[in-house]
Amino acid sequence: DPPTINMTTEREKQAQQMVPEISKTINDI
């Protein structure tokens, strides 16, 4: 079965913080 624990590293946290939020529709602008 799929794992029951979630593993997150500091590199993943940094990568998530570095990804800019992009508007997907005109309503988001």
PDB file of all heavy atoms in Angstrom:
ATOM      1  N   ASP A   1       0.840  -1.191   0.000  1.00  0.00           N
ATOM      2  CA  ASP A   1       0.000   0.000   0.000  1.00  0.00           C
ATOM      3  C   ASP A   1       0.882   1.252   0.000  1.00  0.00           C
ATOM      4  O   ASP A   1       2.066   1.193   0.366  1.00  0.00           O
ATOM      5  CB  ASP A   1      -0.923   0.007   1.223  1.00  0.00           C
ATOM      6  CG  ASP A   1      -1.973  -1.093   1.139  1.00  0.00           C
ATOM      7  OD1 ASP A   1      -2.413  -1.385   0.024  1.00  0.00           O
ATOM      8  OD2 ASP A   1      -2.348  -1.650   2.189  1.00  0.00           O
ATOM      9  N   PRO A   2       0.330   2.401  -0.375  1.00  0.00           N
ATOM     10  CA  PRO A   2       1.121   3.642  -0.358  1.00  0.00           C
ATOM     11  C   PRO A   2       1.639   3.949   1.057  1.00  0.00           C
ATOM     12  O   PRO A   2       1.030   3.547   2.054  1.00  0.00           O
ATOM     13  CB  PRO A   2       0.111   4.704  -0.825  1.00  0.00           C
ATOM     14  CG  PRO A   2      -0.925   3.952  -1.589  1.00  0.00           C
ATOM     15  CD  PRO A   2      -1.029   2.607  -0.921  1.00  0.00           C
ATOM     16  N   PRO A   3       2.791   4.643   1.167  1.00  0.00           N
ATOM     17  CA  PRO A   3       3.344   4.974   2.488  1.00  0.00           C
ATOM     18  C   PRO A   3       2.364   5.816   3.304  1.00  0.00           C
ATOM     19  O   PRO A   3       1.557   6.574   2.764  1.00  0.00           O
ATOM     20  CB  PRO A   3       4.607   5.767   2.152  1.00  0.00           C
ATOM     21  CG  PRO A   3       4.943   5.406   0.750  1.00  0.00           C
ATOM     22  CD  PRO A   3       3.638   5.126   0.066  1.00  0.00           C
ATOM     23  N   THR A   4       2.462   5.668   4.603  1.00  0.00           N
ATOM     24  CA  THR A   4       1.597   6.433   5.510  1.00  0.00           C
ATOM     25  C   THR A   4       2.323   7.630   6.112  1.00  0.00           C
ATOM     26  O   THR A   4       1.747   8.355   6.909  1.00  0.00           O
ATOM     27  CB  THR A   4       1.094   5.532   6.648  1.00  0.00           C
ATOM     28  OG1 THR A   4       2.216   4.974   7.355  1.00  0.00           O
ATOM     29  CG2 THR A   4       0.234   4.391   6.095  1.00  0.00           C
ATOM     30  N   ILE A   5       3.597   7.827   5.744  1.00  0.00           N
ATOM     31  CA  ILE A   5       4.362   8.947   6.287  1.00  0.00           C
ATOM     32  C   ILE A   5       4.741   9.896   5.150  1.00  0.00           C
ATOM     33  O   ILE A   5       4.932   9.480   4.009  1.00  0.00           O
ATOM     34  CB  ILE A   5       5.632   8.472   7.020  1.00  0.00           C
ATOM     35  CG1 ILE A   5       6.510   7.627   6.075  1.00  0.00           C
ATOM     36  CG2 ILE A   5       5.297   7.681   8.258  1.00  0.00           C
ATOM     37  CD1 ILE A   5       7.820   7.215   6.689  1.00  0.00           C
ATOM     38  N   ASN A   6       4.851  11.174   5.486  1.00  0.00           N
ATOM     39  CA  ASN A   6       5.258  12.192   4.516  1.00  0.00           C
ATOM     40  C   ASN A   6       6.659  12.669   4.851  1.00  0.00           C
ATOM     41  O   ASN A   6       6.948  13.033   6.001  1.00  0.00           O
ATOM     42  CB  ASN A   6       4.285  13.375   4.536  1.00  0.00           C
ATOM     43  CG  ASN A   6       2.898  12.981   4.059  1.00  0.00           C
ATOM     44  OD1 ASN A   6       2.769  12.192   3.124  1.00  0.00           O
ATOM     45  ND2 ASN A   6       1.877  13.518   4.701  1.00  0.00           N
ATOM     46  N   MET A   7       7.534  12.653   3.861  1.00  0.00           N
ATOM     47  CA  MET A   7       8.908  13.104   4.071  1.00  0.00           C
ATOM     48  C   MET A   7       9.133  14.379   3.261  1.00  0.00           C
ATOM     49  O   MET A   7       8.862  14.419   2.063  1.00  0.00           O
ATOM     50  CB  MET A   7       9.901  12.034   3.634  1.00  0.00           C
ATOM     51  CG  MET A   7       9.855  10.762   4.477  1.00  0.00           C
ATOM     52  SD  MET A   7      11.191   9.630   4.048  1.00  0.00           S
ATOM     53  CE  MET A   7      10.702   9.200   2.369  1.00  0.00           C
ATOM     54  N   THR A   8       9.627  15.422   3.955  1.00  0.00           N
ATOM     55  CA  THR A   8       9.921  16.696   3.308  1.00  0.00           C
ATOM     56  C   THR A   8      11.322  17.130   3.711  1.00  0.00           C
ATOM     57  O   THR A   8      11.679  17.088   4.892  1.00  0.00           O
ATOM     58  CB  THR A   8       8.911  17.772   3.722  1.00  0.00           C
ATOM     59  OG1 THR A   8       7.587  17.312   3.410  1.00  0.00           O
ATOM     60  CG2 THR A   8       9.179  19.065   2.971  1.00  0.00           C
ATOM     61  N   THR A   9      12.119  17.509   2.748  1.00  0.00           N
ATOM     62  CA  THR A   9      13.483  17.950   3.024  1.00  0.00           C
ATOM     63  C   THR A   9      13.557  19.467   2.922  1.00  0.00           C
ATOM     64  O   THR A   9      12.687  20.123   2.346  1.00  0.00           O
ATOM     65  CB  THR A   9      14.478  17.316   2.039  1.00  0.00           C
ATOM     66  OG1 THR A   9      14.171  17.785   0.718  1.00  0.00           O
ATOM     67  CG2 THR A   9      14.369  15.797   2.068  1.00  0.00           C
ATOM     68  N   GLU A  10      14.643  20.014   3.461  1.00  0.00           N
ATOM     69  CA  GLU A  10      14.842  21.457   3.433  1.00  0.00           C
ATOM     70  C   GLU A  10      14.985  21.952   1.998  1.00  0.00           C
ATOM     71  O   GLU A  10      14.519  23.030   1.648  1.00  0.00           O
ATOM     72  CB  GLU A  10      16.091  21.825   4.238  1.00  0.00           C
ATOM     73  CG  GLU A  10      16.397  23.307   4.299  1.00  0.00           C
ATOM     74  CD  GLU A  10      15.288  24.096   4.997  1.00  0.00           C
ATOM     75  OE1 GLU A  10      14.552  23.510   5.829  1.00  0.00           O
ATOM     76  OE2 GLU A  10      15.165  25.300   4.712  1.00  0.00           O
ATOM     77  N   ARG A  11      15.590  21.123   1.124  1.00  0.00           N
ATOM     78  CA  ARG A  11      15.743  21.517  -0.270  1.00  0.00           C
ATOM     79  C   ARG A  11      14.383  21.648  -0.952  1.00  0.00           C
ATOM     80  O   ARG A  11      14.154  22.541  -1.763  1.00  0.00           O
ATOM     81  CB  ARG A  11      16.611  20.506  -1.012  1.00  0.00           C
ATOM     82  CG  ARG A  11      18.062  20.471  -0.526  1.00  0.00           C
ATOM     83  CD  ARG A  11      18.874  19.454  -1.301  1.00  0.00           C
ATOM     84  NE  ARG A  11      20.201  19.303  -0.733  1.00  0.00           N
ATOM     85  CZ  ARG A  11      21.253  20.051  -1.072  1.00  0.00           C
ATOM     86  NH1 ARG A  11      21.098  20.999  -1.986  1.00  0.00           N
ATOM     87  NH2 ARG A  11      22.431  19.849  -0.537  1.00  0.00           N
ATOM     88  N   GLU A  12      13.477  20.741  -0.623  1.00  0.00           N
ATOM     89  CA  GLU A  12      12.130  20.822  -1.189  1.00  0.00           C
ATOM     90  C   GLU A  12      11.402  22.063  -0.683  1.00  0.00           C
ATOM     91  O   GLU A  12      10.682  22.724  -1.433  1.00  0.00           O
ATOM     92  CB  GLU A  12      11.339  19.563  -0.843  1.00  0.00           C
ATOM     93  CG  GLU A  12      11.868  18.317  -1.541  1.00  0.00           C
ATOM     94  CD  GLU A  12      11.110  17.083  -1.112  1.00  0.00           C
ATOM     95  OE1 GLU A  12      10.346  17.183  -0.131  1.00  0.00           O
ATOM     96  OE2 GLU A  12      11.288  16.039  -1.743  1.00  0.00           O
ATOM     97  N   LYS A  13      11.604  22.364   0.594  1.00  0.00           N
ATOM     98  CA  LYS A  13      10.986  23.574   1.143  1.00  0.00           C
ATOM     99  C   LYS A  13      11.498  24.816   0.426  1.00  0.00           C
ATOM    100  O   LYS A  13      10.724  25.703   0.067  1.00  0.00           O
ATOM    101  CB  LYS A  13      11.294  23.680   2.645  1.00  0.00           C
ATOM    102  CG  LYS A  13      10.688  22.565   3.488  1.00  0.00           C
ATOM    103  CD  LYS A  13      11.133  22.716   4.934  1.00  0.00           C
ATOM    104  CE  LYS A  13      10.668  21.560   5.790  1.00  0.00           C
ATOM    105  NZ  LYS A  13      11.166  21.670   7.174  1.00  0.00           N
ATOM    106  N   GLN A  14      12.832  24.849   0.214  1.00  0.00           N
ATOM    107  CA  GLN A  14      13.420  25.998  -0.471  1.00  0.00           C
ATOM    108  C   GLN A  14      12.908  26.102  -1.905  1.00  0.00           C
ATOM    109  O   GLN A  14      12.612  27.189  -2.392  1.00  0.00           O
ATOM    110  CB  GLN A  14      14.953  25.864  -0.479  1.00  0.00           C
ATOM    111  CG  GLN A  14      15.592  25.935   0.903  1.00  0.00           C
ATOM    112  CD  GLN A  14      15.504  27.324   1.496  1.00  0.00           C
ATOM    113  OE1 GLN A  14      15.443  28.312   0.775  1.00  0.00           O
ATOM    114  NE2 GLN A  14      15.482  27.425   2.814  1.00  0.00           N
ATOM    115  N   ALA A  15      12.775  24.939  -2.557  1.00  0.00           N
ATOM    116  CA  ALA A  15      12.301  24.938  -3.947  1.00  0.00           C
ATOM    117  C   ALA A  15      10.864  25.430  -4.027  1.00  0.00           C
ATOM    118  O   ALA A  15      10.495  26.174  -4.938  1.00  0.00           O
ATOM    119  CB  ALA A  15      12.411  23.530  -4.528  1.00  0.00           C
ATOM    120  N   GLN A  16      10.041  25.042  -3.046  1.00  0.00           N
ATOM    121  CA  GLN A  16       8.653  25.480  -3.037  1.00  0.00           C
ATOM    122  C   GLN A  16       8.548  26.987  -2.821  1.00  0.00           C
ATOM    123  O   GLN A  16       7.691  27.663  -3.392  1.00  0.00           O
ATOM    124  CB  GLN A  16       7.875  24.728  -1.958  1.00  0.00           C
ATOM    125  CG  GLN A  16       7.698  23.248  -2.264  1.00  0.00           C
ATOM    126  CD  GLN A  16       7.095  22.504  -1.089  1.00  0.00           C
ATOM    127  OE1 GLN A  16       6.804  23.096  -0.052  1.00  0.00           O
ATOM    128  NE2 GLN A  16       6.909  21.203  -1.252  1.00  0.00           N
ATOM    129  N   GLN A  17       9.450  27.505  -1.974  1.00  0.00           N
ATOM    130  CA  GLN A  17       9.417  28.937  -1.706  1.00  0.00           C
ATOM    131  C   GLN A  17       9.906  29.747  -2.904  1.00  0.00           C
ATOM    132  O   GLN A  17       9.520  30.897  -3.100  1.00  0.00           O
ATOM    133  CB  GLN A  17      10.294  29.258  -0.490  1.00  0.00           C
ATOM    134  CG  GLN A  17       9.732  28.686   0.812  1.00  0.00           C
ATOM    135  CD  GLN A  17      10.674  28.892   1.980  1.00  0.00           C
ATOM    136  OE1 GLN A  17      11.746  29.477   1.822  1.00  0.00           O
ATOM    137  NE2 GLN A  17      10.283  28.420   3.147  1.00  0.00           N
ATOM    138  N   MET A  18      10.774  29.131  -3.738  1.00  0.00           N
ATOM    139  CA  MET A  18      11.352  29.836  -4.878  1.00  0.00           C
ATOM    140  C   MET A  18      10.441  29.819  -6.095  1.00  0.00           C
ATOM    141  O   MET A  18      10.618  30.584  -7.030  1.00  0.00           O
ATOM    142  CB  MET A  18      12.706  29.217  -5.257  1.00  0.00           C
ATOM    143  CG  MET A  18      13.784  29.427  -4.195  1.00  0.00           C
ATOM    144  SD  MET A  18      15.280  28.514  -4.589  1.00  0.00           S
ATOM    145  CE  MET A  18      15.768  29.348  -6.093  1.00  0.00           C
ATOM    146  N   VAL A  19       9.428  28.931  -6.117  1.00  0.00           N
ATOM    147  CA  VAL A  19       8.543  28.852  -7.272  1.00  0.00           C
ATOM    148  C   VAL A  19       7.561  30.010  -7.223  1.00  0.00           C
ATOM    149  O   VAL A  19       6.798  30.145  -6.255  1.00  0.00           O
ATOM    150  CB  VAL A  19       7.778  27.506  -7.282  1.00  0.00           C
ATOM    151  CG1 VAL A  19       6.758  27.482  -8.421  1.00  0.00           C
ATOM    152  CG2 VAL A  19       8.759  26.357  -7.427  1.00  0.00           C
ATOM    153  N   PRO A  20       7.534  30.893  -8.218  1.00  0.00           N
ATOM    154  CA  PRO A  20       6.602  32.038  -8.189  1.00  0.00           C
ATOM    155  C   PRO A  20       5.185  31.594  -8.470  1.00  0.00           C
ATOM    156  O   PRO A  20       4.949  30.607  -9.166  1.00  0.00           O
ATOM    157  CB  PRO A  20       7.122  32.940  -9.310  1.00  0.00           C
ATOM    158  CG  PRO A  20       7.781  31.983 -10.269  1.00  0.00           C
ATOM    159  CD  PRO A  20       8.383  30.895  -9.417  1.00  0.00           C
ATOM    160  N   GLU A  21       4.248  32.290  -7.905  1.00  0.00           N
ATOM    161  CA  GLU A  21       2.842  31.995  -8.136  1.00  0.00           C
ATOM    162  C   GLU A  21       2.413  32.638  -9.451  1.00  0.00           C
ATOM    163  O   GLU A  21       2.576  33.833  -9.656  1.00  0.00           O
ATOM    164  CB  GLU A  21       1.990  32.520  -6.978  1.00  0.00           C
ATOM    165  CG  GLU A  21       0.517  32.169  -7.118  1.00  0.00           C
ATOM    166  CD  GLU A  21      -0.283  32.669  -5.939  1.00  0.00           C
ATOM    167  OE1 GLU A  21       0.330  33.182  -4.981  1.00  0.00           O
ATOM    168  OE2 GLU A  21      -1.521  32.558  -5.979  1.00  0.00           O
ATOM    169  N   ILE A  22       1.883  31.845 -10.374  1.00  0.00           N
ATOM    170  CA  ILE A  22       1.520  32.320 -11.709  1.00  0.00           C
ATOM    171  C   ILE A  22       0.006  32.338 -11.834  1.00  0.00           C
ATOM    172  O   ILE A  22      -0.662  31.349 -11.504  1.00  0.00           O
ATOM    173  CB  ILE A  22       2.128  31.411 -12.784  1.00  0.00           C
ATOM    174  CG1 ILE A  22       3.653  31.391 -12.640  1.00  0.00           C
ATOM    175  CG2 ILE A  22       1.724  31.850 -14.177  1.00  0.00           C
ATOM    176  CD1 ILE A  22       4.337  30.428 -13.571  1.00  0.00           C
ATOM    177  N   SER A  23      -0.550  33.456 -12.306  1.00  0.00           N
ATOM    178  CA  SER A  23      -1.987  33.542 -12.524  1.00  0.00           C
ATOM    179  C   SER A  23      -2.376  32.660 -13.690  1.00  0.00           C
ATOM    180  O   SER A  23      -1.777  32.717 -14.756  1.00  0.00           O
ATOM    181  CB  SER A  23      -2.385  34.988 -12.819  1.00  0.00           C
ATOM    182  OG  SER A  23      -2.034  35.812 -11.725  1.00  0.00           O
ATOM    183  N   LYS A  24      -3.391  31.850 -13.504  1.00  0.00           N
ATOM    184  CA  LYS A  24      -3.781  30.886 -14.520  1.00  0.00           C
ATOM    185  C   LYS A  24      -4.910  31.401 -15.409  1.00  0.00           C
ATOM    186  O   LYS A  24      -5.045  30.975 -16.552  1.00  0.00           O
ATOM    187  CB  LYS A  24      -4.190  29.570 -13.850  1.00  0.00           C
ATOM    188  CG  LYS A  24      -3.036  28.899 -13.113  1.00  0.00           C
ATOM    189  CD  LYS A  24      -3.467  27.571 -12.524  1.00  0.00           C
ATOM    190  CE  LYS A  24      -2.314  26.890 -11.820  1.00  0.00           C
ATOM    191  NZ  LYS A  24      -2.712  25.581 -11.244  1.00  0.00           N
ATOM    192  N   THR A  25      -5.750  32.311 -14.910  1.00  0.00           N
ATOM    193  CA  THR A  25      -6.862  32.831 -15.704  1.00  0.00           C
ATOM    194  C   THR A  25      -6.878  34.336 -15.606  1.00  0.00           C
ATOM    195  O   THR A  25      -6.231  34.957 -14.746  1.00  0.00           O
ATOM    196  CB  THR A  25      -8.209  32.266 -15.201  1.00  0.00           C
ATOM    197  OG1 THR A  25      -8.470  32.764 -13.898  1.00  0.00           O
ATOM    198  CG2 THR A  25      -8.190  30.744 -15.157  1.00  0.00           C
ATOM    199  N   ILE A  26      -7.652  34.958 -16.481  1.00  0.00           N
ATOM    200  CA  ILE A  26      -7.754  36.420 -16.476  1.00  0.00           C
ATOM    201  C   ILE A  26      -8.400  36.935 -15.203  1.00  0.00           C
ATOM    202  O   ILE A  26      -8.166  38.059 -14.758  1.00  0.00           O
ATOM    203  CB  ILE A  26      -8.539  36.891 -17.726  1.00  0.00           C
ATOM    204  CG1 ILE A  26      -8.350  38.410 -17.904  1.00  0.00           C
ATOM    205  CG2 ILE A  26     -10.021  36.507 -17.623  1.00  0.00           C
ATOM    206  CD1 ILE A  26      -8.869  38.904 -19.229  1.00  0.00           C
ATOM    207  N   ASN A  27      -9.202  36.104 -14.577  1.00  0.00           N
ATOM    208  CA  ASN A  27      -9.855  36.503 -13.324  1.00  0.00           C
ATOM    209  C   ASN A  27      -8.857  36.629 -12.178  1.00  0.00           C
ATOM    210  O   ASN A  27      -9.143  37.250 -11.158  1.00  0.00           O
ATOM    211  CB  ASN A  27     -10.945  35.499 -12.953  1.00  0.00           C
ATOM    212  CG  ASN A  27     -12.072  35.481 -13.985  1.00  0.00           C
ATOM    213  OD1 ASN A  27     -12.402  36.512 -14.549  1.00  0.00           O
ATOM    214  ND2 ASN A  27     -12.649  34.310 -14.214  1.00  0.00           N
ATOM    215  N   ASP A  28      -7.693  35.961 -12.333  1.00  0.00           N
ATOM    216  CA  ASP A  28      -6.688  36.006 -11.280  1.00  0.00           C
ATOM    217  C   ASP A  28      -5.780  37.233 -11.392  1.00  0.00           C
ATOM    218  O   ASP A  28      -4.940  37.473 -10.528  1.00  0.00           O
ATOM    219  CB  ASP A  28      -5.822  34.739 -11.323  1.00  0.00           C
ATOM    220  CG  ASP A  28      -6.653  33.501 -11.042  1.00  0.00           C
ATOM    221  OD1 ASP A  28      -7.570  33.596 -10.211  1.00  0.00           O
ATOM    222  OD2 ASP A  28      -6.363  32.455 -11.644  1.00  0.00           O
ATOM    223  N   ILE A  29      -5.921  38.028 -12.491  1.00  0.00           N
ATOM    224  CA  ILE A  29      -5.030  39.167 -12.723  1.00  0.00           C
ATOM    225  C   ILE A  29      -5.616  40.427 -12.072  1.00  0.00           C
ATOM    226  O   ILE A  29      -6.790  40.754 -12.266  1.00  0.00           O
ATOM    227  CB  ILE A  29      -4.837  39.403 -14.240  1.00  0.00           C
ATOM    228  CG1 ILE A  29      -4.226  38.147 -14.883  1.00  0.00           C
ATOM    229  CG2 ILE A  29      -3.980  40.631 -14.504  1.00  0.00           C
ATOM    230  CD1 ILE A  29      -4.100  38.233 -16.388  1.00  0.00           C
TER     231      ILE A  29
END
